[in-house]
mmCIF file of all heavy atoms, coordinates in Angstrom:
data_MODEL
# 
_entry.id   MODEL 
# 
loop_
_atom_site.group_PDB 
_atom_site.id 
_atom_site.type_symbol 
_atom_site.label_atom_id 
_atom_site.label_alt_id 
_atom_site.label_comp_id 
_atom_site.label_asym_id 
_atom_site.label_entity_id 
_atom_site.label_seq_id 
_atom_site.pdbx_PDB_ins_code 
_atom_site.Cartn_x 
_atom_site.Cartn_y 
_atom_site.Cartn_z 
_atom_site.occupancy 
_atom_site.B_iso_or_equiv 
_atom_site.pdbx_formal_charge 
_atom_site.auth_seq_id 
_atom_site.auth_comp_id 
_atom_site.auth_asym_id 
_atom_site.auth_atom_id 
_atom_site.pdbx_PDB_model_num 
ATOM 1   N N   . ALA A 1 1  ? -1.343  -9.021  -0.001  1.00 0.00 ? 1  ALA A N   1 
ATOM 2   C CA  . ALA A 1 1  ? -1.649  -9.058  -1.402  1.00 0.00 ? 1  ALA A CA  1 
ATOM 3   C C   . ALA A 1 1  ? -2.957  -8.356  -1.754  1.00 0.00 ? 1  ALA A C   1 
ATOM 4   O O   . ALA A 1 1  ? -3.259  -8.178  -2.883  1.00 0.00 ? 1  ALA A O   1 
ATOM 5   C CB  . ALA A 1 1  ? -1.823  -10.552 -1.816  1.00 0.00 ? 1  ALA A CB  1 
ATOM 6   N N   . ARG A 1 2  ? -3.733  -7.870  -0.668  1.00 0.00 ? 2  ARG A N   1 
ATOM 7   C CA  . ARG A 1 2  ? -4.983  -7.210  -0.943  1.00 0.00 ? 2  ARG A CA  1 
ATOM 8   C C   . ARG A 1 2  ? -5.037  -6.023  -0.034  1.00 0.00 ? 2  ARG A C   1 
ATOM 9   O O   . ARG A 1 2  ? -6.035  -5.852  0.760   1.00 0.00 ? 2  ARG A O   1 
ATOM 10  C CB  . ARG A 1 2  ? -6.193  -8.170  -0.753  1.00 0.00 ? 2  ARG A CB  1 
ATOM 11  C CG  . ARG A 1 2  ? -6.219  -9.354  -1.651  1.00 0.00 ? 2  ARG A CG  1 
ATOM 12  C CD  . ARG A 1 2  ? -7.555  -10.216 -1.315  1.00 0.00 ? 2  ARG A CD  1 
ATOM 13  N NE  . ARG A 1 2  ? -7.600  -11.323 -2.241  1.00 0.00 ? 2  ARG A NE  1 
ATOM 14  C CZ  . ARG A 1 2  ? -7.077  -12.520 -2.088  1.00 0.00 ? 2  ARG A CZ  1 
ATOM 15  N NH1 . ARG A 1 2  ? -6.276  -12.700 -0.977  1.00 0.00 ? 2  ARG A NH1 1 
ATOM 16  N NH2 . ARG A 1 2  ? -7.189  -13.410 -2.946  1.00 0.00 ? 2  ARG A NH2 1 
ATOM 17  N N   . PRO A 1 3  ? -4.100  -5.071  -0.076  1.00 0.00 ? 3  PRO A N   1 
ATOM 18  C CA  . PRO A 1 3  ? -4.079  -4.024  0.841   1.00 0.00 ? 3  PRO A CA  1 
ATOM 19  C C   . PRO A 1 3  ? -5.205  -2.952  0.496   1.00 0.00 ? 3  PRO A C   1 
ATOM 20  O O   . PRO A 1 3  ? -5.537  -2.759  -0.667  1.00 0.00 ? 3  PRO A O   1 
ATOM 21  C CB  . PRO A 1 3  ? -2.711  -3.383  0.622   1.00 0.00 ? 3  PRO A CB  1 
ATOM 22  C CG  . PRO A 1 3  ? -2.353  -3.683  -0.691  1.00 0.00 ? 3  PRO A CG  1 
ATOM 23  C CD  . PRO A 1 3  ? -2.966  -5.019  -1.045  1.00 0.00 ? 3  PRO A CD  1 
ATOM 24  N N   . ALA A 1 4  ? -5.680  -2.298  1.500   1.00 0.00 ? 4  ALA A N   1 
ATOM 25  C CA  . ALA A 1 4  ? -6.603  -1.214  1.351   1.00 0.00 ? 4  ALA A CA  1 
ATOM 26  C C   . ALA A 1 4  ? -5.841  0.063   1.128   1.00 0.00 ? 4  ALA A C   1 
ATOM 27  O O   . ALA A 1 4  ? -4.889  0.329   1.935   1.00 0.00 ? 4  ALA A O   1 
ATOM 28  C CB  . ALA A 1 4  ? -7.493  -1.028  2.606   1.00 0.00 ? 4  ALA A CB  1 
ATOM 29  N N   . LEU A 1 5  ? -6.047  0.765   0.042   1.00 0.00 ? 5  LEU A N   1 
ATOM 30  C CA  . LEU A 1 5  ? -5.184  1.898   -0.339  1.00 0.00 ? 5  LEU A CA  1 
ATOM 31  C C   . LEU A 1 5  ? -5.814  3.205   -0.151  1.00 0.00 ? 5  LEU A C   1 
ATOM 32  O O   . LEU A 1 5  ? -5.367  4.256   -0.658  1.00 0.00 ? 5  LEU A O   1 
ATOM 33  C CB  . LEU A 1 5  ? -4.749  1.765   -1.839  1.00 0.00 ? 5  LEU A CB  1 
ATOM 34  C CG  . LEU A 1 5  ? -3.883  0.463   -2.091  1.00 0.00 ? 5  LEU A CG  1 
ATOM 35  C CD1 . LEU A 1 5  ? -3.580  0.408   -3.584  1.00 0.00 ? 5  LEU A CD1 1 
ATOM 36  C CD2 . LEU A 1 5  ? -2.573  0.504   -1.271  1.00 0.00 ? 5  LEU A CD2 1 
ATOM 37  N N   . ASP A 1 6  ? -6.878  3.284   0.634   1.00 0.00 ? 6  ASP A N   1 
ATOM 38  C CA  . ASP A 1 6  ? -7.604  4.513   0.925   1.00 0.00 ? 6  ASP A CA  1 
ATOM 39  C C   . ASP A 1 6  ? -6.646  5.416   1.608   1.00 0.00 ? 6  ASP A C   1 
ATOM 40  O O   . ASP A 1 6  ? -6.627  6.717   1.419   1.00 0.00 ? 6  ASP A O   1 
ATOM 41  C CB  . ASP A 1 6  ? -8.851  4.324   1.738   1.00 0.00 ? 6  ASP A CB  1 
ATOM 42  C CG  . ASP A 1 6  ? -9.870  3.498   1.022   1.00 0.00 ? 6  ASP A CG  1 
ATOM 43  O OD1 . ASP A 1 6  ? -9.831  3.491   -0.219  1.00 0.00 ? 6  ASP A OD1 1 
ATOM 44  O OD2 . ASP A 1 6  ? -10.814 2.883   1.694   1.00 0.00 ? 6  ASP A OD2 1 
ATOM 45  N N   . ASP A 1 7  ? -5.818  4.955   2.549   1.00 0.00 ? 7  ASP A N   1 
ATOM 46  C CA  . ASP A 1 7  ? -4.812  5.787   3.265   1.00 0.00 ? 7  ASP A CA  1 
ATOM 47  C C   . ASP A 1 7  ? -3.497  5.045   3.122   1.00 0.00 ? 7  ASP A C   1 
ATOM 48  O O   . ASP A 1 7  ? -3.115  4.172   3.823   1.00 0.00 ? 7  ASP A O   1 
ATOM 49  C CB  . ASP A 1 7  ? -5.188  5.888   4.730   1.00 0.00 ? 7  ASP A CB  1 
ATOM 50  C CG  . ASP A 1 7  ? -4.216  6.683   5.492   1.00 0.00 ? 7  ASP A CG  1 
ATOM 51  O OD1 . ASP A 1 7  ? -3.315  7.342   4.886   1.00 0.00 ? 7  ASP A OD1 1 
ATOM 52  O OD2 . ASP A 1 7  ? -4.290  6.693   6.767   1.00 0.00 ? 7  ASP A OD2 1 
ATOM 53  N N   . PRO A 1 8  ? -2.654  5.555   2.100   1.00 0.00 ? 8  PRO A N   1 
ATOM 54  C CA  . PRO A 1 8  ? -1.277  4.871   1.911   1.00 0.00 ? 8  PRO A CA  1 
ATOM 55  C C   . PRO A 1 8  ? -0.442  4.883   3.111   1.00 0.00 ? 8  PRO A C   1 
ATOM 56  O O   . PRO A 1 8  ? 0.397   4.027   3.312   1.00 0.00 ? 8  PRO A O   1 
ATOM 57  C CB  . PRO A 1 8  ? -0.713  5.735   0.766   1.00 0.00 ? 8  PRO A CB  1 
ATOM 58  C CG  . PRO A 1 8  ? -1.857  6.380   0.077   1.00 0.00 ? 8  PRO A CG  1 
ATOM 59  C CD  . PRO A 1 8  ? -2.905  6.598   1.152   1.00 0.00 ? 8  PRO A CD  1 
ATOM 60  N N   . HIS A 1 9  ? -0.637  5.937   4.019   1.00 0.00 ? 9  HIS A N   1 
ATOM 61  C CA  . HIS A 1 9  ? 0.181   5.994   5.209   1.00 0.00 ? 9  HIS A CA  1 
ATOM 62  C C   . HIS A 1 9  ? -0.153  4.924   6.254   1.00 0.00 ? 9  HIS A C   1 
ATOM 63  O O   . HIS A 1 9  ? 0.570   4.801   7.274   1.00 0.00 ? 9  HIS A O   1 
ATOM 64  C CB  . HIS A 1 9  ? 0.170   7.448   5.806   1.00 0.00 ? 9  HIS A CB  1 
ATOM 65  C CG  . HIS A 1 9  ? 0.705   8.485   4.887   1.00 0.00 ? 9  HIS A CG  1 
ATOM 66  N ND1 . HIS A 1 9  ? 2.051   8.573   4.743   1.00 0.00 ? 9  HIS A ND1 1 
ATOM 67  C CD2 . HIS A 1 9  ? 0.057   9.348   4.105   1.00 0.00 ? 9  HIS A CD2 1 
ATOM 68  C CE1 . HIS A 1 9  ? 2.269   9.560   3.885   1.00 0.00 ? 9  HIS A CE1 1 
ATOM 69  N NE2 . HIS A 1 9  ? 1.066   10.019  3.492   1.00 0.00 ? 9  HIS A NE2 1 
ATOM 70  N N   . ALA A 1 10 ? -1.179  4.176   5.987   1.00 0.00 ? 10 ALA A N   1 
ATOM 71  C CA  . ALA A 1 10 ? -1.544  3.096   6.855   1.00 0.00 ? 10 ALA A CA  1 
ATOM 72  C C   . ALA A 1 10 ? -0.789  1.821   6.606   1.00 0.00 ? 10 ALA A C   1 
ATOM 73  O O   . ALA A 1 10 ? -0.792  0.903   7.387   1.00 0.00 ? 10 ALA A O   1 
ATOM 74  C CB  . ALA A 1 10 ? -3.069  2.754   6.819   1.00 0.00 ? 10 ALA A CB  1 
ATOM 75  N N   . LEU A 1 11 ? -0.075  1.846   5.502   1.00 0.00 ? 11 LEU A N   1 
ATOM 76  C CA  . LEU A 1 11 ? 0.776   0.678   5.174   1.00 0.00 ? 11 LEU A CA  1 
ATOM 77  C C   . LEU A 1 11 ? 1.893   0.527   6.229   1.00 0.00 ? 11 LEU A C   1 
ATOM 78  O O   . LEU A 1 11 ? 2.519   1.480   6.691   1.00 0.00 ? 11 LEU A O   1 
ATOM 79  C CB  . LEU A 1 11 ? 1.449   0.891   3.739   1.00 0.00 ? 11 LEU A CB  1 
ATOM 80  C CG  . LEU A 1 11 ? 0.484   1.087   2.624   1.00 0.00 ? 11 LEU A CG  1 
ATOM 81  C CD1 . LEU A 1 11 ? 1.295   1.175   1.348   1.00 0.00 ? 11 LEU A CD1 1 
ATOM 82  C CD2 . LEU A 1 11 ? -0.517  -0.089  2.577   1.00 0.00 ? 11 LEU A CD2 1 
ATOM 83  N N   . ARG A 1 12 ? 2.211   -0.695  6.621   1.00 0.00 ? 12 ARG A N   1 
ATOM 84  C CA  . ARG A 1 12 ? 3.150   -1.034  7.644   1.00 0.00 ? 12 ARG A CA  1 
ATOM 85  C C   . ARG A 1 12 ? 4.542   -1.189  7.108   1.00 0.00 ? 12 ARG A C   1 
ATOM 86  O O   . ARG A 1 12 ? 4.734   -1.646  6.042   1.00 0.00 ? 12 ARG A O   1 
ATOM 87  C CB  . ARG A 1 12 ? 2.745   -2.255  8.420   1.00 0.00 ? 12 ARG A CB  1 
ATOM 88  C CG  . ARG A 1 12 ? 1.399   -2.132  9.142   1.00 0.00 ? 12 ARG A CG  1 
ATOM 89  C CD  . ARG A 1 12 ? 0.888   -3.479  9.581   1.00 0.00 ? 12 ARG A CD  1 
ATOM 90  N NE  . ARG A 1 12 ? 1.890   -4.138  10.432  1.00 0.00 ? 12 ARG A NE  1 
ATOM 91  C CZ  . ARG A 1 12 ? 1.861   -4.091  11.738  1.00 0.00 ? 12 ARG A CZ  1 
ATOM 92  N NH1 . ARG A 1 12 ? 0.979   -3.345  12.431  1.00 0.00 ? 12 ARG A NH1 1 
ATOM 93  N NH2 . ARG A 1 12 ? 2.863   -4.734  12.495  1.00 0.00 ? 12 ARG A NH2 1 
ATOM 94  N N   . GLU A 1 13 ? 5.522   -0.826  7.996   1.00 0.00 ? 13 GLU A N   1 
ATOM 95  C CA  . GLU A 1 13 ? 6.959   -0.969  7.638   1.00 0.00 ? 13 GLU A CA  1 
ATOM 96  C C   . GLU A 1 13 ? 7.401   -2.386  7.380   1.00 0.00 ? 13 GLU A C   1 
ATOM 97  O O   . GLU A 1 13 ? 8.303   -2.669  6.672   1.00 0.00 ? 13 GLU A O   1 
ATOM 98  C CB  . GLU A 1 13 ? 7.855   -0.317  8.670   1.00 0.00 ? 13 GLU A CB  1 
ATOM 99  C CG  . GLU A 1 13 ? 7.713   1.224   8.696   1.00 0.00 ? 13 GLU A CG  1 
ATOM 100 C CD  . GLU A 1 13 ? 8.838   1.810   9.716   1.00 0.00 ? 13 GLU A CD  1 
ATOM 101 O OE1 . GLU A 1 13 ? 9.612   1.038   10.235  1.00 0.00 ? 13 GLU A OE1 1 
ATOM 102 O OE2 . GLU A 1 13 ? 8.678   3.000   9.932   1.00 0.00 ? 13 GLU A OE2 1 
ATOM 103 N N   . ASP A 1 14 ? 6.658   -3.355  8.050   1.00 0.00 ? 14 ASP A N   1 
ATOM 104 C CA  . ASP A 1 14 ? 7.065   -4.758  7.940   1.00 0.00 ? 14 ASP A CA  1 
ATOM 105 C C   . ASP A 1 14 ? 6.281   -5.508  6.854   1.00 0.00 ? 14 ASP A C   1 
ATOM 106 O O   . ASP A 1 14 ? 6.164   -6.668  6.843   1.00 0.00 ? 14 ASP A O   1 
ATOM 107 C CB  . ASP A 1 14 ? 6.926   -5.464  9.237   1.00 0.00 ? 14 ASP A CB  1 
ATOM 108 C CG  . ASP A 1 14 ? 5.494   -5.518  9.722   1.00 0.00 ? 14 ASP A CG  1 
ATOM 109 O OD1 . ASP A 1 14 ? 4.620   -4.882  9.147   1.00 0.00 ? 14 ASP A OD1 1 
ATOM 110 O OD2 . ASP A 1 14 ? 5.151   -6.297  10.653  1.00 0.00 ? 14 ASP A OD2 1 
ATOM 111 N N   . GLY A 1 15 ? 5.617   -4.698  5.939   1.00 0.00 ? 15 GLY A N   1 
ATOM 112 C CA  . GLY A 1 15 ? 4.757   -5.362  4.927   1.00 0.00 ? 15 GLY A CA  1 
ATOM 113 C C   . GLY A 1 15 ? 5.451   -5.476  3.630   1.00 0.00 ? 15 GLY A C   1 
ATOM 114 O O   . GLY A 1 15 ? 6.201   -4.589  3.195   1.00 0.00 ? 15 GLY A O   1 
ATOM 115 N N   . ILE A 1 16 ? 5.204   -6.491  2.915   1.00 0.00 ? 16 ILE A N   1 
ATOM 116 C CA  . ILE A 1 16 ? 5.588   -6.645  1.454   1.00 0.00 ? 16 ILE A CA  1 
ATOM 117 C C   . ILE A 1 16 ? 4.300   -6.604  0.721   1.00 0.00 ? 16 ILE A C   1 
ATOM 118 O O   . ILE A 1 16 ? 3.461   -7.515  0.797   1.00 0.00 ? 16 ILE A O   1 
ATOM 119 C CB  . ILE A 1 16 ? 6.354   -7.941  1.179   1.00 0.00 ? 16 ILE A CB  1 
ATOM 120 C CG1 . ILE A 1 16 ? 7.702   -7.879  1.971   1.00 0.00 ? 16 ILE A CG1 1 
ATOM 121 C CG2 . ILE A 1 16 ? 6.596   -8.177  -0.287  1.00 0.00 ? 16 ILE A CG2 1 
ATOM 122 C CD1 . ILE A 1 16 ? 8.571   -9.116  1.904   1.00 0.00 ? 16 ILE A CD1 1 
ATOM 123 N N   . TYR A 1 17 ? 4.026   -5.572  -0.035  1.00 0.00 ? 17 TYR A N   1 
ATOM 124 C CA  . TYR A 1 17 ? 2.762   -5.195  -0.566  1.00 0.00 ? 17 TYR A CA  1 
ATOM 125 C C   . TYR A 1 17 ? 2.695   -5.360  -2.117  1.00 0.00 ? 17 TYR A C   1 
ATOM 126 O O   . TYR A 1 17 ? 3.641   -5.115  -2.836  1.00 0.00 ? 17 TYR A O   1 
ATOM 127 C CB  . TYR A 1 17 ? 2.403   -3.731  -0.283  1.00 0.00 ? 17 TYR A CB  1 
ATOM 128 C CG  . TYR A 1 17 ? 2.118   -3.536  1.246   1.00 0.00 ? 17 TYR A CG  1 
ATOM 129 C CD1 . TYR A 1 17 ? 3.132   -3.104  2.028   1.00 0.00 ? 17 TYR A CD1 1 
ATOM 130 C CD2 . TYR A 1 17 ? 0.819   -3.633  1.688   1.00 0.00 ? 17 TYR A CD2 1 
ATOM 131 C CE1 . TYR A 1 17 ? 2.805   -2.939  3.439   1.00 0.00 ? 17 TYR A CE1 1 
ATOM 132 C CE2 . TYR A 1 17 ? 0.521   -3.382  2.998   1.00 0.00 ? 17 TYR A CE2 1 
ATOM 133 C CZ  . TYR A 1 17 ? 1.578   -2.993  3.934   1.00 0.00 ? 17 TYR A CZ  1 
ATOM 134 O OH  . TYR A 1 17 ? 1.289   -2.796  5.220   1.00 0.00 ? 17 TYR A OH  1 
ATOM 135 N N   . VAL A 1 18 ? 1.533   -5.873  -2.563  1.00 0.00 ? 18 VAL A N   1 
ATOM 136 C CA  . VAL A 1 18 ? 1.102   -5.830  -3.909  1.00 0.00 ? 18 VAL A CA  1 
ATOM 137 C C   . VAL A 1 18 ? 0.438   -4.579  -4.235  1.00 0.00 ? 18 VAL A C   1 
ATOM 138 O O   . VAL A 1 18 ? -0.598  -4.282  -3.632  1.00 0.00 ? 18 VAL A O   1 
ATOM 139 C CB  . VAL A 1 18 ? 0.215   -7.036  -4.290  1.00 0.00 ? 18 VAL A CB  1 
ATOM 140 C CG1 . VAL A 1 18 ? -0.245  -6.896  -5.713  1.00 0.00 ? 18 VAL A CG1 1 
ATOM 141 C CG2 . VAL A 1 18 ? 0.972   -8.394  -4.018  1.00 0.00 ? 18 VAL A CG2 1 
ATOM 142 N N   . LEU A 1 19 ? 1.027   -3.744  -5.056  1.00 0.00 ? 19 LEU A N   1 
ATOM 143 C CA  . LEU A 1 19 ? 0.502   -2.298  -5.339  1.00 0.00 ? 19 LEU A CA  1 
ATOM 144 C C   . LEU A 1 19 ? 0.339   -2.087  -6.762  1.00 0.00 ? 19 LEU A C   1 
ATOM 145 O O   . LEU A 1 19 ? 1.050   -2.638  -7.573  1.00 0.00 ? 19 LEU A O   1 
ATOM 146 C CB  . LEU A 1 19 ? 1.453   -1.358  -4.696  1.00 0.00 ? 19 LEU A CB  1 
ATOM 147 C CG  . LEU A 1 19 ? 1.764   -1.326  -3.191  1.00 0.00 ? 19 LEU A CG  1 
ATOM 148 C CD1 . LEU A 1 19 ? 2.797   -0.379  -2.881  1.00 0.00 ? 19 LEU A CD1 1 
ATOM 149 C CD2 . LEU A 1 19 ? 0.530   -1.055  -2.427  1.00 0.00 ? 19 LEU A CD2 1 
ATOM 150 N N   . PRO A 1 20 ? -0.666  -1.219  -7.159  1.00 0.00 ? 20 PRO A N   1 
ATOM 151 C CA  . PRO A 1 20 ? -0.650  -0.733  -8.558  1.00 0.00 ? 20 PRO A CA  1 
ATOM 152 C C   . PRO A 1 20 ? 0.426   0.228   -8.920  1.00 0.00 ? 20 PRO A C   1 
ATOM 153 O O   . PRO A 1 20 ? 1.086   0.793   -7.956  1.00 0.00 ? 20 PRO A O   1 
ATOM 154 C CB  . PRO A 1 20 ? -2.081  -0.043  -8.633  1.00 0.00 ? 20 PRO A CB  1 
ATOM 155 C CG  . PRO A 1 20 ? -2.318  0.363   -7.207  1.00 0.00 ? 20 PRO A CG  1 
ATOM 156 C CD  . PRO A 1 20 ? -1.669  -0.607  -6.331  1.00 0.00 ? 20 PRO A CD  1 
ATOM 157 N N   . GLU A 1 21 ? 0.715   0.422   -10.127 1.00 0.00 ? 21 GLU A N   1 
ATOM 158 C CA  . GLU A 1 21 ? 1.761   1.359   -10.547 1.00 0.00 ? 21 GLU A CA  1 
ATOM 159 C C   . GLU A 1 21 ? 1.425   2.839   -10.157 1.00 0.00 ? 21 GLU A C   1 
ATOM 160 O O   . GLU A 1 21 ? 2.272   3.694   -10.147 1.00 0.00 ? 21 GLU A O   1 
ATOM 161 C CB  . GLU A 1 21 ? 1.995   1.306   -12.032 1.00 0.00 ? 21 GLU A CB  1 
ATOM 162 C CG  . GLU A 1 21 ? 2.655   0.020   -12.513 1.00 0.00 ? 21 GLU A CG  1 
ATOM 163 C CD  . GLU A 1 21 ? 3.067   0.123   -13.986 1.00 0.00 ? 21 GLU A CD  1 
ATOM 164 O OE1 . GLU A 1 21 ? 2.357   0.753   -14.762 1.00 0.00 ? 21 GLU A OE1 1 
ATOM 165 O OE2 . GLU A 1 21 ? 4.011   -0.575  -14.344 1.00 0.00 ? 21 GLU A OE2 1 
ATOM 166 N N   . THR A 1 22 ? 0.167   3.129   -9.928  1.00 0.00 ? 22 THR A N   1 
ATOM 167 C CA  . THR A 1 22 ? -0.332  4.513   -9.803  1.00 0.00 ? 22 THR A CA  1 
ATOM 168 C C   . THR A 1 22 ? -0.249  5.053   -8.468  1.00 0.00 ? 22 THR A C   1 
ATOM 169 O O   . THR A 1 22 ? -0.779  6.147   -8.221  1.00 0.00 ? 22 THR A O   1 
ATOM 170 C CB  . THR A 1 22 ? -1.688  4.652   -10.366 1.00 0.00 ? 22 THR A CB  1 
ATOM 171 O OG1 . THR A 1 22 ? -2.564  3.637   -9.732  1.00 0.00 ? 22 THR A OG1 1 
ATOM 172 C CG2 . THR A 1 22 ? -1.807  4.475   -11.882 1.00 0.00 ? 22 THR A CG2 1 
ATOM 173 N N   . VAL A 1 23 ? 0.314   4.331   -7.447  1.00 0.00 ? 23 VAL A N   1 
ATOM 174 C CA  . VAL A 1 23 ? 0.379   4.821   -6.075  1.00 0.00 ? 23 VAL A CA  1 
ATOM 175 C C   . VAL A 1 23 ? 1.235   6.085   -6.133  1.00 0.00 ? 23 VAL A C   1 
ATOM 176 O O   . VAL A 1 23 ? 2.384   6.100   -6.596  1.00 0.00 ? 23 VAL A O   1 
ATOM 177 C CB  . VAL A 1 23 ? 0.993   3.763   -5.159  1.00 0.00 ? 23 VAL A CB  1 
ATOM 178 C CG1 . VAL A 1 23 ? 1.222   4.440   -3.832  1.00 0.00 ? 23 VAL A CG1 1 
ATOM 179 C CG2 . VAL A 1 23 ? 0.071   2.589   -5.002  1.00 0.00 ? 23 VAL A CG2 1 
ATOM 180 N N   . ALA A 1 24 ? 0.633   7.223   -5.635  1.00 0.00 ? 24 ALA A N   1 
ATOM 181 C CA  . ALA A 1 24 ? 1.379   8.519   -5.685  1.00 0.00 ? 24 ALA A CA  1 
ATOM 182 C C   . ALA A 1 24 ? 2.143   8.781   -4.321  1.00 0.00 ? 24 ALA A C   1 
ATOM 183 O O   . ALA A 1 24 ? 2.927   9.606   -4.314  1.00 0.00 ? 24 ALA A O   1 
ATOM 184 C CB  . ALA A 1 24 ? 0.385   9.673   -5.928  1.00 0.00 ? 24 ALA A CB  1 
ATOM 185 N N   . GLU A 1 25 ? 1.713   8.069   -3.249  1.00 0.00 ? 25 GLU A N   1 
ATOM 186 C CA  . GLU A 1 25 ? 2.356   8.280   -1.968  1.00 0.00 ? 25 GLU A CA  1 
ATOM 187 C C   . GLU A 1 25 ? 2.731   6.907   -1.399  1.00 0.00 ? 25 GLU A C   1 
ATOM 188 O O   . GLU A 1 25 ? 1.988   5.983   -1.583  1.00 0.00 ? 25 GLU A O   1 
ATOM 189 C CB  . GLU A 1 25 ? 1.523   8.986   -1.002  1.00 0.00 ? 25 GLU A CB  1 
ATOM 190 C CG  . GLU A 1 25 ? 1.097   10.449  -1.434  1.00 0.00 ? 25 GLU A CG  1 
ATOM 191 C CD  . GLU A 1 25 ? 0.248   11.096  -0.300  1.00 0.00 ? 25 GLU A CD  1 
ATOM 192 O OE1 . GLU A 1 25 ? 0.807   11.353  0.842   1.00 0.00 ? 25 GLU A OE1 1 
ATOM 193 O OE2 . GLU A 1 25 ? -0.966  11.309  -0.578  1.00 0.00 ? 25 GLU A OE2 1 
# 
């Protein structure tokens, strides 16, 4: 629910993420 978005590629495949609409990657 509080992911760090400095590096979108660090997001994990097993995660269900709360994200803003503006994520470009």
